[in-house]
Amino acid sequence: MWKLLVGFIIFAALAVFLLMKGGANVDMGGEKHGIETTEPAHETPHDAAPASAPASAASQ
């Protein structure tokens, strides 16, 4: 049984070594689910209401 465990450890270490030496971008962070990993070239400004906007009549 211990031989099986040692074989698995050697195989896993070899696999990780080959992935890292292959030059590929290996990300061990898990799934990202649509999160952008690179920033966009430019961002569009958001249409925010000015701070001096008058309050509505219902709130007065």
PDB file of N, CA and C in Angstrom:
ATOM      1  N   MET A   1       0.828  -1.200   0.000  1.00  0.00           N
ATOM      2  CA  MET A   1       0.000   0.000   0.000  1.00  0.00           C
ATOM      3  C   MET A   1       0.868   1.257   0.000  1.00  0.00           C
ATOM      4  N   TRP A   2       1.977   1.218   0.704  1.00  0.00           N
ATOM      5  CA  TRP A   2       2.838   2.383   0.760  1.00  0.00           C
ATOM      6  C   TRP A   2       3.489   2.645  -0.593  1.00  0.00           C
ATOM      7  N   LYS A   3       3.678   1.599  -1.385  1.00  0.00           N
ATOM      8  CA  LYS A   3       4.271   1.764  -2.713  1.00  0.00           C
ATOM      9  C   LYS A   3       3.319   2.548  -3.624  1.00  0.00           C
ATOM     10  N   LEU A   4       2.045   2.297  -3.476  1.00  0.00           N
ATOM     11  CA  LEU A   4       1.048   3.030  -4.256  1.00  0.00           C
ATOM     12  C   LEU A   4       1.077   4.513  -3.901  1.00  0.00           C
ATOM     13  N   LEU A   5       1.166   4.841  -2.635  1.00  0.00           N
ATOM     14  CA  LEU A   5       1.224   6.223  -2.181  1.00  0.00           C
ATOM     15  C   LEU A   5       2.496   6.909  -2.689  1.00  0.00           C
ATOM     16  N   VAL A   6       3.633   6.249  -2.593  1.00  0.00           N
ATOM     17  CA  VAL A   6       4.894   6.809  -3.075  1.00  0.00           C
ATOM     18  C   VAL A   6       4.841   7.017  -4.588  1.00  0.00           C
ATOM     19  N   GLY A   7       4.280   6.072  -5.315  1.00  0.00           N
ATOM     20  CA  GLY A   7       4.148   6.206  -6.763  1.00  0.00           C
ATOM     21  C   GLY A   7       3.273   7.392  -7.145  1.00  0.00           C
ATOM     22  N   PHE A   8       2.179   7.577  -6.416  1.00  0.00           N
ATOM     23  CA  PHE A   8       1.298   8.706  -6.692  1.00  0.00           C
ATOM     24  C   PHE A   8       2.005  10.029  -6.429  1.00  0.00           C
ATOM     25  N   ILE A   9       2.742  10.120  -5.338  1.00  0.00           N
ATOM     26  CA  ILE A   9       3.453  11.355  -5.008  1.00  0.00           C
ATOM     27  C   ILE A   9       4.494  11.677  -6.082  1.00  0.00           C
ATOM     28  N   ILE A  10       5.225  10.669  -6.531  1.00  0.00           N
ATOM     29  CA  ILE A  10       6.224  10.880  -7.576  1.00  0.00           C
ATOM     30  C   ILE A  10       5.555  11.322  -8.879  1.00  0.00           C
ATOM     31  N   PHE A  11       4.460  10.667  -9.235  1.00  0.00           N
ATOM     32  CA  PHE A  11       3.741  11.018 -10.454  1.00  0.00           C
ATOM     33  C   PHE A  11       3.197  12.445 -10.381  1.00  0.00           C
ATOM     34  N   ALA A  12       2.629  12.837  -9.240  1.00  0.00           N
ATOM     35  CA  ALA A  12       2.084  14.190  -9.091  1.00  0.00           C
ATOM     36  C   ALA A  12       3.201  15.232  -9.155  1.00  0.00           C
ATOM     37  N   ALA A  13       4.319  14.958  -8.511  1.00  0.00           N
ATOM     38  CA  ALA A  13       5.436  15.897  -8.549  1.00  0.00           C
ATOM     39  C   ALA A  13       5.973  16.043  -9.967  1.00  0.00           C
ATOM     40  N   LEU A  14       6.071  14.955 -10.692  1.00  0.00           N
ATOM     41  CA  LEU A  14       6.539  14.996 -12.073  1.00  0.00           C
ATOM     42  C   LEU A  14       5.570  15.787 -12.962  1.00  0.00           C
ATOM     43  N   ALA A  15       4.283  15.574 -12.760  1.00  0.00           N
ATOM     44  CA  ALA A  15       3.282  16.290 -13.556  1.00  0.00           C
ATOM     45  C   ALA A  15       3.355  17.793 -13.304  1.00  0.00           C
ATOM     46  N   VAL A  16       3.462  18.200 -12.052  1.00  0.00           N
ATOM     47  CA  VAL A  16       3.553  19.629 -11.731  1.00  0.00           C
ATOM     48  C   VAL A  16       4.852  20.204 -12.287  1.00  0.00           C
ATOM     49  N   PHE A  17       5.945  19.471 -12.169  1.00  0.00           N
ATOM     50  CA  PHE A  17       7.231  19.924 -12.697  1.00  0.00           C
ATOM     51  C   PHE A  17       7.153  20.144 -14.201  1.00  0.00           C
ATOM     52  N   LEU A  18       6.556  19.208 -14.916  1.00  0.00           N
ATOM     53  CA  LEU A  18       6.452  19.342 -16.367  1.00  0.00           C
ATOM     54  C   LEU A  18       5.533  20.493 -16.772  1.00  0.00           C
ATOM     55  N   LEU A  19       4.471  20.713 -16.027  1.00  0.00           N
ATOM     56  CA  LEU A  19       3.579  21.834 -16.324  1.00  0.00           C
ATOM     57  C   LEU A  19       4.287  23.168 -16.112  1.00  0.00           C
ATOM     58  N   MET A  20       5.066  23.263 -15.057  1.00  0.00           N
ATOM     59  CA  MET A  20       5.773  24.507 -14.777  1.00  0.00           C
ATOM     60  C   MET A  20       6.911  24.739 -15.790  1.00  0.00           C
ATOM     61  N   LYS A  21       7.607  23.693 -16.186  1.00  0.00           N
ATOM     62  CA  LYS A  21       8.698  23.826 -17.149  1.00  0.00           C
ATOM     63  C   LYS A  21       8.181  24.059 -18.563  1.00  0.00           C
ATOM     64  N   GLY A  22       6.948  23.706 -18.834  1.00  0.00           N
ATOM     65  CA  GLY A  22       6.382  23.850 -20.163  1.00  0.00           C
ATOM     66  C   GLY A  22       6.177  25.285 -20.588  1.00  0.00           C
ATOM     67  N   GLY A  23       6.233  26.213 -19.668  1.00  0.00           N
ATOM     68  CA  GLY A  23       6.075  27.620 -20.001  1.00  0.00           C
ATOM     69  C   GLY A  23       4.632  28.065 -20.100  1.00  0.00           C
ATOM     70  N   ALA A  24       3.715  27.190 -19.879  1.00  0.00           N
ATOM     71  CA  ALA A  24       2.309  27.571 -19.935  1.00  0.00           C
ATOM     72  C   ALA A  24       1.953  28.369 -18.683  1.00  0.00           C
ATOM     73  N   ASN A  25       0.953  29.183 -18.810  1.00  0.00           N
ATOM     74  CA  ASN A  25       0.497  29.974 -17.673  1.00  0.00           C
ATOM     75  C   ASN A  25      -0.398  29.083 -16.813  1.00  0.00           C
ATOM     76  N   VAL A  26       0.190  28.431 -15.839  1.00  0.00           N
ATOM     77  CA  VAL A  26      -0.544  27.514 -14.983  1.00  0.00           C
ATOM     78  C   VAL A  26      -1.093  28.299 -13.808  1.00  0.00           C
ATOM     79  N   ASP A  27      -2.420  28.321 -13.669  1.00  0.00           N
ATOM     80  CA  ASP A  27      -3.070  29.039 -12.580  1.00  0.00           C
ATOM     81  C   ASP A  27      -3.689  28.018 -11.648  1.00  0.00           C
ATOM     82  N   MET A  28      -3.158  27.910 -10.446  1.00  0.00           N
ATOM     83  CA  MET A  28      -3.665  26.936  -9.476  1.00  0.00           C
ATOM     84  C   MET A  28      -4.707  27.569  -8.551  1.00  0.00           C
ATOM     85  N   GLY A  29      -5.299  28.681  -8.973  1.00  0.00           N
ATOM     86  CA  GLY A  29      -6.229  29.421  -8.132  1.00  0.00           C
ATOM     87  C   GLY A  29      -7.657  28.917  -8.181  1.00  0.00           C
ATOM     88  N   GLY A  30      -7.963  27.977  -9.004  1.00  0.00           N
ATOM     89  CA  GLY A  30      -9.334  27.473  -9.087  1.00  0.00           C
ATOM     90  C   GLY A  30     -10.118  28.172 -10.184  1.00  0.00           C
ATOM     91  N   GLU A  31     -11.415  27.937 -10.197  1.00  0.00           N
ATOM     92  CA  GLU A  31     -12.266  28.509 -11.229  1.00  0.00           C
ATOM     93  C   GLU A  31     -12.500  29.984 -10.970  1.00  0.00           C
ATOM     94  N   LYS A  32     -12.620  30.756 -12.053  1.00  0.00           N
ATOM     95  CA  LYS A  32     -12.770  32.204 -11.925  1.00  0.00           C
ATOM     96  C   LYS A  32     -14.194  32.677 -12.182  1.00  0.00           C
ATOM     97  N   HIS A  33     -14.966  31.974 -12.945  1.00  0.00           N
ATOM     98  CA  HIS A  33     -16.369  32.292 -13.235  1.00  0.00           C
ATOM     99  C   HIS A  33     -16.563  33.697 -13.768  1.00  0.00           C
ATOM    100  N   GLY A  34     -15.896  34.006 -14.884  1.00  0.00           N
ATOM    101  CA  GLY A  34     -16.154  35.250 -15.588  1.00  0.00           C
ATOM    102  C   GLY A  34     -15.417  36.458 -15.071  1.00  0.00           C
ATOM    103  N   ILE A  35     -14.534  36.320 -14.131  1.00  0.00           N
ATOM    104  CA  ILE A  35     -13.785  37.465 -13.635  1.00  0.00           C
ATOM    105  C   ILE A  35     -12.680  37.776 -14.633  1.00  0.00           C
ATOM    106  N   GLU A  36     -12.605  39.037 -15.039  1.00  0.00           N
ATOM    107  CA  GLU A  36     -11.572  39.449 -15.987  1.00  0.00           C
ATOM    108  C   GLU A  36     -10.217  39.423 -15.292  1.00  0.00           C
ATOM    109  N   THR A  37      -9.242  38.797 -15.935  1.00  0.00           N
ATOM    110  CA  THR A  37      -7.908  38.756 -15.354  1.00  0.00           C
ATOM    111  C   THR A  37      -7.024  39.866 -15.893  1.00  0.00           C
ATOM    112  N   THR A  38      -7.408  40.482 -17.002  1.00  0.00           N
ATOM    113  CA  THR A  38      -6.658  41.604 -17.549  1.00  0.00           C
ATOM    114  C   THR A  38      -7.531  42.843 -17.493  1.00  0.00           C
ATOM    115  N   GLU A  39      -6.893  43.979 -17.274  1.00  0.00           N
ATOM    116  CA  GLU A  39      -7.657  45.217 -17.211  1.00  0.00           C
ATOM    117  C   GLU A  39      -7.970  45.695 -18.615  1.00  0.00           C
ATOM    118  N   PRO A  40      -9.149  46.286 -18.809  1.00  0.00           N
ATOM    119  CA  PRO A  40      -9.487  46.808 -20.133  1.00  0.00           C
ATOM    120  C   PRO A  40      -8.579  47.990 -20.485  1.00  0.00           C
ATOM    121  N   ALA A  41      -8.448  48.282 -21.771  1.00  0.00           N
ATOM    122  CA  ALA A  41      -7.565  49.356 -22.238  1.00  0.00           C
ATOM    123  C   ALA A  41      -8.034  50.718 -21.721  1.00  0.00           C
ATOM    124  N   HIS A  42      -9.336  50.928 -21.658  1.00  0.00           N
ATOM    125  CA  HIS A  42      -9.875  52.189 -21.135  1.00  0.00           C
ATOM    126  C   HIS A  42     -11.243  51.914 -20.537  1.00  0.00           C
ATOM    127  N   GLU A  43     -11.596  52.704 -19.580  1.00  0.00           N
ATOM    128  CA  GLU A  43     -12.907  52.541 -18.943  1.00  0.00           C
ATOM    129  C   GLU A  43     -13.791  53.716 -19.324  1.00  0.00           C
ATOM    130  N   THR A  44     -15.062  53.442 -19.505  1.00  0.00           N
ATOM    131  CA  THR A  44     -15.999  54.513 -19.801  1.00  0.00           C
ATOM    132  C   THR A  44     -16.470  55.119 -18.482  1.00  0.00           C
ATOM    133  N   PRO A  45     -16.600  56.441 -18.430  1.00  0.00           N
ATOM    134  CA  PRO A  45     -17.053  57.062 -17.173  1.00  0.00           C
ATOM    135  C   PRO A  45     -18.521  56.726 -16.919  1.00  0.00           C
ATOM    136  N   HIS A  46     -18.828  56.568 -15.672  1.00  0.00           N
ATOM    137  CA  HIS A  46     -20.210  56.263 -15.289  1.00  0.00           C
ATOM    138  C   HIS A  46     -21.013  57.560 -15.234  1.00  0.00           C
ATOM    139  N   ASP A  47     -22.264  57.469 -15.580  1.00  0.00           N
ATOM    140  CA  ASP A  47     -23.127  58.644 -15.517  1.00  0.00           C
ATOM    141  C   ASP A  47     -23.630  58.791 -14.088  1.00  0.00           C
ATOM    142  N   ALA A  48     -22.928  59.552 -13.297  1.00  0.00           N
ATOM    143  CA  ALA A  48     -23.303  59.763 -11.904  1.00  0.00           C
ATOM    144  C   ALA A  48     -24.001  61.107 -11.775  1.00  0.00           C
ATOM    145  N   ALA A  49     -24.969  61.169 -10.895  1.00  0.00           N
ATOM    146  CA  ALA A  49     -25.673  62.423 -10.650  1.00  0.00           C
ATOM    147  C   ALA A  49     -24.739  63.368  -9.901  1.00  0.00           C
ATOM    148  N   PRO A  50     -24.756  64.649 -10.245  1.00  0.00           N
ATOM    149  CA  PRO A  50     -23.890  65.592  -9.538  1.00  0.00           C
ATOM    150  C   PRO A  50     -24.283  65.702  -8.070  1.00  0.00           C
ATOM    151  N   ALA A  51     -23.342  66.057  -7.231  1.00  0.00           N
ATOM    152  CA  ALA A  51     -23.586  66.134  -5.789  1.00  0.00           C
ATOM    153  C   ALA A  51     -24.565  67.244  -5.451  1.00  0.00           C
ATOM    154  N   SER A  52     -24.655  68.279  -6.308  1.00  0.00           N
ATOM    155  CA  SER A  52     -25.540  69.401  -6.021  1.00  0.00           C
ATOM    156  C   SER A  52     -26.909  69.245  -6.684  1.00  0.00           C
ATOM    157  N   ALA A  53     -27.309  68.037  -7.008  1.00  0.00           N
ATOM    158  CA  ALA A  53     -28.608  67.808  -7.639  1.00  0.00           C
ATOM    159  C   ALA A  53     -29.717  68.119  -6.649  1.00  0.00           C
ATOM    160  N   PRO A  54     -30.778  68.778  -7.105  1.00  0.00           N
ATOM    161  CA  PRO A  54     -31.886  69.120  -6.177  1.00  0.00           C
ATOM    162  C   PRO A  54     -32.621  67.860  -5.726  1.00  0.00           C
ATOM    163  N   ALA A  55     -33.084  67.879  -4.513  1.00  0.00           N
ATOM    164  CA  ALA A  55     -33.844  66.757  -3.965  1.00  0.00           C
ATOM    165  C   ALA A  55     -35.242  66.757  -4.583  1.00  0.00           C
ATOM    166  N   SER A  56     -35.836  65.590  -4.661  1.00  0.00           N
ATOM    167  CA  SER A  56     -37.178  65.506  -5.235  1.00  0.00           C
ATOM    168  C   SER A  56     -38.200  66.088  -4.260  1.00  0.00           C
ATOM    169  N   ALA A  57     -39.336  66.462  -4.787  1.00  0.00           N
ATOM    170  CA  ALA A  57     -40.377  67.075  -3.974  1.00  0.00           C
ATOM    171  C   ALA A  57     -40.940  66.091  -2.962  1.00  0.00           C
ATOM    172  N   ALA A  58     -40.910  64.807  -3.238  1.00  0.00           N
ATOM    173  CA  ALA A  58     -41.458  63.813  -2.323  1.00  0.00           C
ATOM    174  C   ALA A  58     -40.617  63.685  -1.061  1.00  0.00           C
ATOM    175  N   SER A  59     -39.319  63.993  -1.145  1.00  0.00           N
ATOM    176  CA  SER A  59     -38.478  63.833   0.043  1.00  0.00           C
ATOM    177  C   SER A  59     -38.459  65.062   0.917  1.00  0.00           C
ATOM    178  N   GLN A  60     -39.103  66.157   0.483  1.00  0.00           N
ATOM    179  CA  GLN A  60     -39.087  67.400   1.282  1.00  0.00           C
ATOM    180  C   GLN A  60     -40.272  67.494   2.184  1.00  0.00           C
TER     181      GLN A  60
END
